[in-house]
């Protein structure tokens, strides 16, 4: 059994150059998708909108707490 494996290994010849160069070429997309943090454009819009709302509300609450503005109740 081992003798057969040795014989097969001795017969095997490594080729430096492949026979068919076209078979080894891989086709890539010409233009990669441009995602920021792995998000689609509409997802980035939602995240930026939520961030804007959070900053706005934090600023309004800070102004109310420091009594720079008053609620007209």
N, C-alpha and C. Protein backbone atom coordinates (compact mmCIF):
# COMPACT_ATOMS: atom_id res chain seq x y z
N UNK A 1 0.82 -1.19 0.00
CA UNK A 1 0.00 0.00 0.00
C UNK A 1 0.87 1.26 0.00
N UNK A 2 1.85 1.31 0.88
CA UNK A 2 2.74 2.46 0.93
C UNK A 2 3.61 2.53 -0.32
N UNK A 3 3.93 1.38 -0.85
CA UNK A 3 4.76 1.36 -2.06
C UNK A 3 4.02 1.97 -3.25
N UNK A 4 2.72 1.73 -3.31
CA UNK A 4 1.93 2.32 -4.40
C UNK A 4 1.87 3.84 -4.26
N UNK A 5 1.72 4.33 -3.03
CA UNK A 5 1.70 5.77 -2.81
C UNK A 5 3.03 6.41 -3.17
N UNK A 6 4.14 5.73 -2.83
CA UNK A 6 5.46 6.24 -3.19
C UNK A 6 5.63 6.28 -4.69
N UNK A 7 5.13 5.28 -5.38
CA UNK A 7 5.24 5.23 -6.83
C UNK A 7 4.41 6.34 -7.47
N UNK A 8 3.22 6.58 -6.93
CA UNK A 8 2.39 7.66 -7.46
C UNK A 8 3.03 9.02 -7.22
N UNK A 9 3.63 9.20 -6.05
CA UNK A 9 4.29 10.46 -5.74
C UNK A 9 5.50 10.67 -6.63
N UNK A 10 6.21 9.64 -6.94
CA UNK A 10 7.38 9.75 -7.80
C UNK A 10 6.98 10.08 -9.23
N UNK A 11 5.83 9.60 -9.69
CA UNK A 11 5.38 9.84 -11.05
C UNK A 11 4.80 11.24 -11.23
N UNK A 12 4.32 11.83 -10.16
CA UNK A 12 3.66 13.13 -10.27
C UNK A 12 4.68 14.21 -10.58
N UNK A 13 4.38 15.03 -11.59
CA UNK A 13 5.27 16.12 -12.00
C UNK A 13 4.55 17.44 -11.78
N UNK A 14 5.21 18.36 -11.08
CA UNK A 14 4.63 19.68 -10.88
C UNK A 14 4.90 20.53 -12.10
N UNK A 15 3.88 21.24 -12.55
CA UNK A 15 4.05 22.13 -13.70
C UNK A 15 4.18 23.55 -13.20
N UNK A 16 5.16 24.26 -13.74
CA UNK A 16 5.35 25.65 -13.34
C UNK A 16 4.29 26.55 -13.96
N UNK A 17 3.94 26.28 -15.19
CA UNK A 17 2.95 27.11 -15.88
C UNK A 17 1.73 26.27 -16.21
N UNK A 18 0.56 26.77 -15.90
CA UNK A 18 -0.66 26.02 -16.25
C UNK A 18 -0.87 26.02 -17.77
N UNK A 19 -1.56 25.00 -18.22
CA UNK A 19 -1.81 24.88 -19.65
C UNK A 19 -2.77 25.94 -20.17
N UNK A 20 -3.84 26.21 -19.41
CA UNK A 20 -4.87 27.12 -19.85
C UNK A 20 -4.89 28.34 -18.93
N UNK A 21 -4.36 29.47 -19.39
CA UNK A 21 -4.32 30.69 -18.58
C UNK A 21 -5.70 31.30 -18.40
N UNK A 22 -6.57 31.13 -19.38
CA UNK A 22 -7.90 31.74 -19.30
C UNK A 22 -8.75 31.09 -18.21
N UNK A 23 -8.50 29.85 -17.90
CA UNK A 23 -9.29 29.16 -16.89
C UNK A 23 -8.98 29.68 -15.49
N UNK A 24 -7.80 30.25 -15.31
CA UNK A 24 -7.40 30.72 -13.98
C UNK A 24 -7.80 32.16 -13.71
N UNK A 25 -8.22 32.88 -14.72
CA UNK A 25 -8.59 34.27 -14.53
C UNK A 25 -9.97 34.36 -13.89
N UNK A 26 -10.07 35.22 -12.91
CA UNK A 26 -11.33 35.42 -12.19
C UNK A 26 -11.88 36.78 -12.58
N UNK A 27 -13.17 36.81 -12.87
CA UNK A 27 -13.79 38.07 -13.24
C UNK A 27 -14.29 38.77 -11.98
N UNK A 28 -13.92 40.03 -11.85
CA UNK A 28 -14.34 40.83 -10.71
C UNK A 28 -15.29 41.91 -11.19
N UNK A 29 -16.10 42.40 -10.28
CA UNK A 29 -16.96 43.54 -10.61
C UNK A 29 -16.06 44.73 -10.89
N UNK A 30 -16.41 45.49 -11.91
CA UNK A 30 -15.58 46.63 -12.25
C UNK A 30 -15.71 47.74 -11.22
N UNK A 31 -16.86 47.85 -10.60
CA UNK A 31 -17.08 48.91 -9.62
C UNK A 31 -17.59 48.29 -8.32
N UNK A 32 -16.78 48.32 -7.26
CA UNK A 32 -17.26 47.74 -6.01
C UNK A 32 -18.38 48.56 -5.40
N UNK A 33 -19.22 47.91 -4.63
CA UNK A 33 -20.31 48.62 -3.97
C UNK A 33 -19.74 49.49 -2.86
N UNK A 34 -20.20 50.73 -2.80
CA UNK A 34 -19.66 51.67 -1.84
C UNK A 34 -20.59 51.77 -0.64
N UNK A 35 -20.35 50.91 0.32
CA UNK A 35 -21.13 50.94 1.55
C UNK A 35 -20.27 51.52 2.66
N UNK A 36 -20.87 52.40 3.46
CA UNK A 36 -20.20 52.95 4.62
C UNK A 36 -20.68 52.20 5.84
N UNK A 37 -19.78 51.56 6.54
CA UNK A 37 -20.09 50.73 7.70
C UNK A 37 -21.05 49.59 7.34
N UNK A 38 -21.02 49.16 6.11
CA UNK A 38 -21.85 48.04 5.69
C UNK A 38 -23.32 48.38 5.54
N UNK A 39 -23.65 49.66 5.41
CA UNK A 39 -25.05 50.06 5.33
C UNK A 39 -25.37 50.58 3.93
N UNK A 40 -26.59 50.36 3.51
CA UNK A 40 -27.10 50.90 2.26
C UNK A 40 -27.40 52.39 2.45
N UNK A 41 -27.53 53.14 1.36
CA UNK A 41 -27.79 54.57 1.50
C UNK A 41 -29.03 54.91 2.33
N UNK A 42 -30.10 54.17 2.16
CA UNK A 42 -31.31 54.50 2.92
C UNK A 42 -31.12 54.21 4.40
N UNK A 43 -30.29 53.23 4.74
CA UNK A 43 -30.02 52.95 6.14
C UNK A 43 -29.18 54.07 6.77
N UNK A 44 -28.22 54.58 6.00
CA UNK A 44 -27.42 55.70 6.49
C UNK A 44 -28.28 56.93 6.71
N UNK A 45 -29.27 57.16 5.84
CA UNK A 45 -30.17 58.29 5.99
C UNK A 45 -30.97 58.17 7.29
N UNK A 46 -31.50 56.99 7.57
CA UNK A 46 -32.28 56.78 8.79
C UNK A 46 -31.40 57.00 10.02
N UNK A 47 -30.19 56.49 10.01
CA UNK A 47 -29.29 56.66 11.15
C UNK A 47 -28.97 58.14 11.35
N UNK A 48 -28.70 58.88 10.27
CA UNK A 48 -28.38 60.30 10.41
C UNK A 48 -29.61 61.09 10.88
N UNK A 49 -30.80 60.70 10.42
CA UNK A 49 -32.02 61.37 10.87
C UNK A 49 -32.25 61.14 12.37
N UNK A 50 -32.07 59.91 12.82
CA UNK A 50 -32.22 59.61 14.25
C UNK A 50 -31.17 60.34 15.08
N UNK A 51 -29.96 60.43 14.58
CA UNK A 51 -28.92 61.16 15.30
C UNK A 51 -29.26 62.65 15.42
N UNK A 52 -29.80 63.22 14.34
CA UNK A 52 -30.23 64.62 14.38
C UNK A 52 -31.31 64.84 15.43
N UNK A 53 -32.31 63.95 15.48
CA UNK A 53 -33.41 64.08 16.44
C UNK A 53 -32.88 63.97 17.87
N UNK A 54 -31.96 63.04 18.11
CA UNK A 54 -31.41 62.87 19.45
C UNK A 54 -30.65 64.12 19.88
N UNK A 55 -29.83 64.68 18.99
CA UNK A 55 -29.07 65.89 19.33
C UNK A 55 -30.01 67.07 19.56
N UNK A 56 -31.05 67.19 18.74
CA UNK A 56 -32.02 68.27 18.89
C UNK A 56 -32.72 68.19 20.24
N UNK A 57 -33.22 67.00 20.59
CA UNK A 57 -33.93 66.85 21.85
C UNK A 57 -33.01 67.05 23.05
N UNK A 58 -31.78 66.59 22.95
CA UNK A 58 -30.83 66.80 24.04
C UNK A 58 -30.56 68.28 24.24
N UNK A 59 -30.42 69.03 23.15
CA UNK A 59 -30.21 70.47 23.25
C UNK A 59 -31.39 71.19 23.85
N UNK A 60 -32.60 70.82 23.45
CA UNK A 60 -33.81 71.46 23.99
C UNK A 60 -33.94 71.17 25.48
N UNK A 61 -33.70 69.93 25.89
CA UNK A 61 -33.78 69.59 27.32
C UNK A 61 -32.70 70.32 28.11
N UNK A 62 -31.51 70.47 27.53
CA UNK A 62 -30.45 71.20 28.24
C UNK A 62 -30.84 72.66 28.42
N UNK A 63 -31.46 73.26 27.40
CA UNK A 63 -31.90 74.66 27.52
C UNK A 63 -33.03 74.79 28.54
N UNK A 64 -33.92 73.81 28.60
CA UNK A 64 -35.00 73.85 29.59
C UNK A 64 -34.46 73.69 31.01
N UNK A 65 -33.50 72.81 31.19
CA UNK A 65 -32.96 72.57 32.53
C UNK A 65 -32.19 73.79 33.03
N UNK A 66 -31.43 74.43 32.15
CA UNK A 66 -30.66 75.61 32.57
C UNK A 66 -31.51 76.88 32.56
N UNK A 67 -32.79 76.77 32.24
CA UNK A 67 -33.75 77.86 32.21
C UNK A 67 -33.36 78.99 31.26
N UNK A 68 -32.73 78.61 30.17
CA UNK A 68 -32.43 79.60 29.13
C UNK A 68 -33.68 79.87 28.28
N UNK A 69 -34.55 78.87 28.20
CA UNK A 69 -35.85 79.03 27.53
C UNK A 69 -36.92 78.54 28.49
N UNK A 70 -38.15 78.99 28.29
CA UNK A 70 -39.27 78.61 29.15
C UNK A 70 -40.37 78.06 28.27
N UNK A 71 -41.08 77.09 28.80
CA UNK A 71 -42.25 76.56 28.10
C UNK A 71 -43.40 77.53 28.27
N UNK A 72 -44.13 77.79 27.24
CA UNK A 72 -45.26 78.72 27.31
C UNK A 72 -46.51 77.90 27.62
N UNK A 73 -46.60 77.49 28.85
CA UNK A 73 -47.77 76.68 29.28
C UNK A 73 -48.76 77.57 30.00
